[in-house]
């Protein structure tokens, strides 16, 4: 892992795998759990994200801030589908935008706030 990690913003193009079978965070707090989500960015990079129980699986158009690069022991998180150390990124939601479109360049274009207003 890079010891010189620099936080960066990426735009989600596609959710490849979700820690929830339906891809949707459960309404019940008892059913929520931390785990790994796999996504493809607008630049084509495939990332494994360490998502907290309160976080939804990132959706197309979301901009997320990668805050740390980590190696997490899947058994410590009680994730039966994974074994050993998993290279992943901690993240937080940065913004809600529109899904990537051909000709759209990363970091350019409009994004919309939670209430639909243009930022």
C-alpha atoms as a PDB file:
ATOM      1  CA  UNK A   1       0.000   0.000   0.000  1.00  0.00           C
ATOM      2  CA  UNK A   2       1.122   3.512  -0.787  1.00  0.00           C
ATOM      3  CA  UNK A   3       2.400   5.266   2.341  1.00  0.00           C
ATOM      4  CA  UNK A   4       1.926   8.576   0.527  1.00  0.00           C
ATOM      5  CA  UNK A   5      -1.838   8.178   0.062  1.00  0.00           C
ATOM      6  CA  UNK A   6      -3.555  11.430  -0.852  1.00  0.00           C
ATOM      7  CA  UNK A   7      -7.314  11.742  -0.404  1.00  0.00           C
ATOM      8  CA  UNK A   8      -9.104  12.137  -3.726  1.00  0.00           C
ATOM      9  CA  UNK A   9     -12.576  12.470  -5.158  1.00  0.00           C
ATOM     10  CA  UNK A  10     -13.906   9.898  -7.624  1.00  0.00           C
ATOM     11  CA  UNK A  11     -17.217   9.664  -9.466  1.00  0.00           C
ATOM     12  CA  UNK A  12     -19.000   6.303  -9.379  1.00  0.00           C
ATOM     13  CA  UNK A  13     -19.849   4.847 -12.774  1.00  0.00           C
ATOM     14  CA  UNK A  14     -21.165   1.473 -11.597  1.00  0.00           C
ATOM     15  CA  UNK A  15     -21.619  -0.558  -8.416  1.00  0.00           C
ATOM     16  CA  UNK A  16     -20.083  -3.954  -9.225  1.00  0.00           C
ATOM     17  CA  UNK A  17     -20.744  -5.749  -5.918  1.00  0.00           C
ATOM     18  CA  UNK A  18     -22.632  -4.798  -2.781  1.00  0.00           C
ATOM     19  CA  UNK A  19     -22.267  -6.187   0.722  1.00  0.00           C
ATOM     20  CA  UNK A  20     -26.087  -6.387   0.718  1.00  0.00           C
ATOM     21  CA  UNK A  21     -27.685  -9.029  -1.505  1.00  0.00           C
ATOM     22  CA  UNK A  22     -30.258  -6.628  -2.956  1.00  0.00           C
ATOM     23  CA  UNK A  23     -27.724  -3.790  -3.166  1.00  0.00           C
ATOM     24  CA  UNK A  24     -29.895  -1.687  -0.853  1.00  0.00           C
ATOM     25  CA  UNK A  25     -29.077  -0.789   2.749  1.00  0.00           C
ATOM     26  CA  UNK A  26     -31.642  -2.424   5.074  1.00  0.00           C
ATOM     27  CA  UNK A  27     -34.054  -0.153   6.942  1.00  0.00           C
ATOM     28  CA  UNK A  28     -33.502  -2.023  10.204  1.00  0.00           C
ATOM     29  CA  UNK A  29     -30.322  -1.033  12.063  1.00  0.00           C
ATOM     30  CA  UNK A  30     -30.047  -4.642  13.254  1.00  0.00           C
ATOM     31  CA  UNK A  31     -29.567  -5.813   9.649  1.00  0.00           C
ATOM     32  CA  UNK A  32     -26.940  -3.209   8.674  1.00  0.00           C
ATOM     33  CA  UNK A  33     -23.283  -4.180   8.668  1.00  0.00           C
ATOM     34  CA  UNK A  34     -19.873  -2.969   7.655  1.00  0.00           C
ATOM     35  CA  UNK A  35     -18.337  -4.670   4.659  1.00  0.00           C
ATOM     36  CA  UNK A  36     -16.862  -4.369   1.204  1.00  0.00           C
ATOM     37  CA  UNK A  37     -18.494  -2.766  -1.822  1.00  0.00           C
ATOM     38  CA  UNK A  38     -16.827  -2.921  -5.233  1.00  0.00           C
ATOM     39  CA  UNK A  39     -17.280  -0.085  -7.712  1.00  0.00           C
ATOM     40  CA  UNK A  40     -16.040   1.159 -11.075  1.00  0.00           C
ATOM     41  CA  UNK A  41     -15.194   4.849 -11.328  1.00  0.00           C
ATOM     42  CA  UNK A  42     -15.892   7.141 -14.279  1.00  0.00           C
ATOM     43  CA  UNK A  43     -12.188   6.727 -15.135  1.00  0.00           C
ATOM     44  CA  UNK A  44     -12.586   2.928 -15.321  1.00  0.00           C
ATOM     45  CA  UNK A  45     -10.732   2.193 -12.085  1.00  0.00           C
ATOM     46  CA  UNK A  46     -12.145  -0.689 -10.032  1.00  0.00           C
ATOM     47  CA  UNK A  47     -12.038  -0.078  -6.277  1.00  0.00           C
ATOM     48  CA  UNK A  48     -12.878  -2.075  -3.178  1.00  0.00           C
ATOM     49  CA  UNK A  49     -14.463   0.183  -0.570  1.00  0.00           C
ATOM     50  CA  UNK A  50     -14.762  -0.464   3.149  1.00  0.00           C
ATOM     51  CA  UNK A  51     -18.285   0.748   3.875  1.00  0.00           C
ATOM     52  CA  UNK A  52     -19.661   1.309   7.356  1.00  0.00           C
ATOM     53  CA  UNK A  53     -23.048  -0.037   8.399  1.00  0.00           C
ATOM     54  CA  UNK A  54     -24.569   3.440   8.155  1.00  0.00           C
ATOM     55  CA  UNK A  55     -23.372   3.872   4.539  1.00  0.00           C
ATOM     56  CA  UNK A  56     -25.333   2.808   1.469  1.00  0.00           C
ATOM     57  CA  UNK A  57     -23.590   1.084  -1.424  1.00  0.00           C
ATOM     58  CA  UNK A  58     -22.341   3.936  -3.667  1.00  0.00           C
ATOM     59  CA  UNK A  59     -24.550   4.535  -6.702  1.00  0.00           C
ATOM     60  CA  UNK A  60     -23.798   5.789 -10.242  1.00  0.00           C
ATOM     61  CA  UNK A  61     -23.302   9.541 -10.268  1.00  0.00           C
ATOM     62  CA  UNK A  62     -22.193   9.782  -6.649  1.00  0.00           C
ATOM     63  CA  UNK A  63     -18.930  11.531  -5.944  1.00  0.00           C
ATOM     64  CA  UNK A  64     -17.053  10.025  -3.029  1.00  0.00           C
ATOM     65  CA  UNK A  65     -13.960  11.161  -1.185  1.00  0.00           C
ATOM     66  CA  UNK A  66     -11.454   8.359  -0.657  1.00  0.00           C
ATOM     67  CA  UNK A  67     -10.091   9.163   2.799  1.00  0.00           C
ATOM     68  CA  UNK A  68      -7.611   6.342   3.480  1.00  0.00           C
ATOM     69  CA  UNK A  69      -6.077   3.277   1.895  1.00  0.00           C
ATOM     70  CA  UNK A  70      -6.171   0.304   4.233  1.00  0.00           C
ATOM     71  CA  UNK A  71      -5.556  -3.421   4.534  1.00  0.00           C
ATOM     72  CA  UNK A  72      -8.440  -4.830   6.565  1.00  0.00           C
ATOM     73  CA  UNK A  73      -8.669  -8.332   7.989  1.00  0.00           C
ATOM     74  CA  UNK A  74     -12.020  -9.646   6.746  1.00  0.00           C
ATOM     75  CA  UNK A  75     -12.323 -12.068   9.658  1.00  0.00           C
ATOM     76  CA  UNK A  76     -12.166  -9.143  12.129  1.00  0.00           C
ATOM     77  CA  UNK A  77     -15.205  -7.658  10.377  1.00  0.00           C
ATOM     78  CA  UNK A  78     -16.917 -11.065  10.406  1.00  0.00           C
ATOM     79  CA  UNK A  79     -17.232 -11.155   6.613  1.00  0.00           C
ATOM     80  CA  UNK A  80     -17.568 -14.857   5.751  1.00  0.00           C
ATOM     81  CA  UNK A  81     -17.266 -14.372   1.977  1.00  0.00           C
ATOM     82  CA  UNK A  82     -13.743 -12.911   2.274  1.00  0.00           C
ATOM     83  CA  UNK A  83     -10.554 -14.183   3.887  1.00  0.00           C
ATOM     84  CA  UNK A  84      -7.316 -12.532   4.976  1.00  0.00           C
ATOM     85  CA  UNK A  85      -6.236  -8.946   4.448  1.00  0.00           C
ATOM     86  CA  UNK A  86      -8.241  -7.013   1.868  1.00  0.00           C
ATOM     87  CA  UNK A  87      -6.797  -3.859   0.274  1.00  0.00           C
ATOM     88  CA  UNK A  88      -9.541  -1.255   0.314  1.00  0.00           C
ATOM     89  CA  UNK A  89     -10.400   2.413   0.704  1.00  0.00           C
ATOM     90  CA  UNK A  90     -12.279   4.180   3.464  1.00  0.00           C
ATOM     91  CA  UNK A  91     -14.650   6.760   1.990  1.00  0.00           C
ATOM     92  CA  UNK A  92     -17.281   9.385   2.618  1.00  0.00           C
ATOM     93  CA  UNK A  93     -19.981  10.819   0.366  1.00  0.00           C
ATOM     94  CA  UNK A  94     -18.807  14.033  -1.287  1.00  0.00           C
ATOM     95  CA  UNK A  95     -21.664  14.864  -3.654  1.00  0.00           C
ATOM     96  CA  UNK A  96     -24.602  13.590  -5.660  1.00  0.00           C
ATOM     97  CA  UNK A  97     -24.293  14.161  -9.378  1.00  0.00           C
ATOM     98  CA  UNK A  98     -25.613  12.706 -12.567  1.00  0.00           C
ATOM     99  CA  UNK A  99     -24.193   9.407 -13.871  1.00  0.00           C
ATOM    100  CA  UNK A 100     -21.195   9.705 -16.195  1.00  0.00           C
ATOM    101  CA  UNK A 101     -22.054  10.490 -19.789  1.00  0.00           C
ATOM    102  CA  UNK A 102     -19.856  10.141 -22.863  1.00  0.00           C
ATOM    103  CA  UNK A 103     -17.984  13.383 -23.366  1.00  0.00           C
ATOM    104  CA  UNK A 104     -18.329  14.303 -19.680  1.00  0.00           C
ATOM    105  CA  UNK A 105     -14.957  14.955 -18.106  1.00  0.00           C
ATOM    106  CA  UNK A 106     -14.207  14.134 -14.480  1.00  0.00           C
ATOM    107  CA  UNK A 107     -14.587  17.185 -12.292  1.00  0.00           C
ATOM    108  CA  UNK A 108     -16.521  19.167 -14.903  1.00  0.00           C
ATOM    109  CA  UNK A 109     -20.236  19.585 -15.328  1.00  0.00           C
ATOM    110  CA  UNK A 110     -22.975  20.150 -12.859  1.00  0.00           C
ATOM    111  CA  UNK A 111     -23.826  18.303  -9.720  1.00  0.00           C
ATOM    112  CA  UNK A 112     -26.977  18.553  -7.702  1.00  0.00           C
ATOM    113  CA  UNK A 113     -27.501  18.894  -3.988  1.00  0.00           C
ATOM    114  CA  UNK A 114     -29.719  16.647  -1.936  1.00  0.00           C
ATOM    115  CA  UNK A 115     -32.779  18.827  -2.523  1.00  0.00           C
ATOM    116  CA  UNK A 116     -32.187  18.957  -6.286  1.00  0.00           C
ATOM    117  CA  UNK A 117     -30.678  22.437  -6.384  1.00  0.00           C
ATOM    118  CA  UNK A 118     -27.730  22.978  -8.651  1.00  0.00           C
ATOM    119  CA  UNK A 119     -24.371  23.348  -6.868  1.00  0.00           C
END
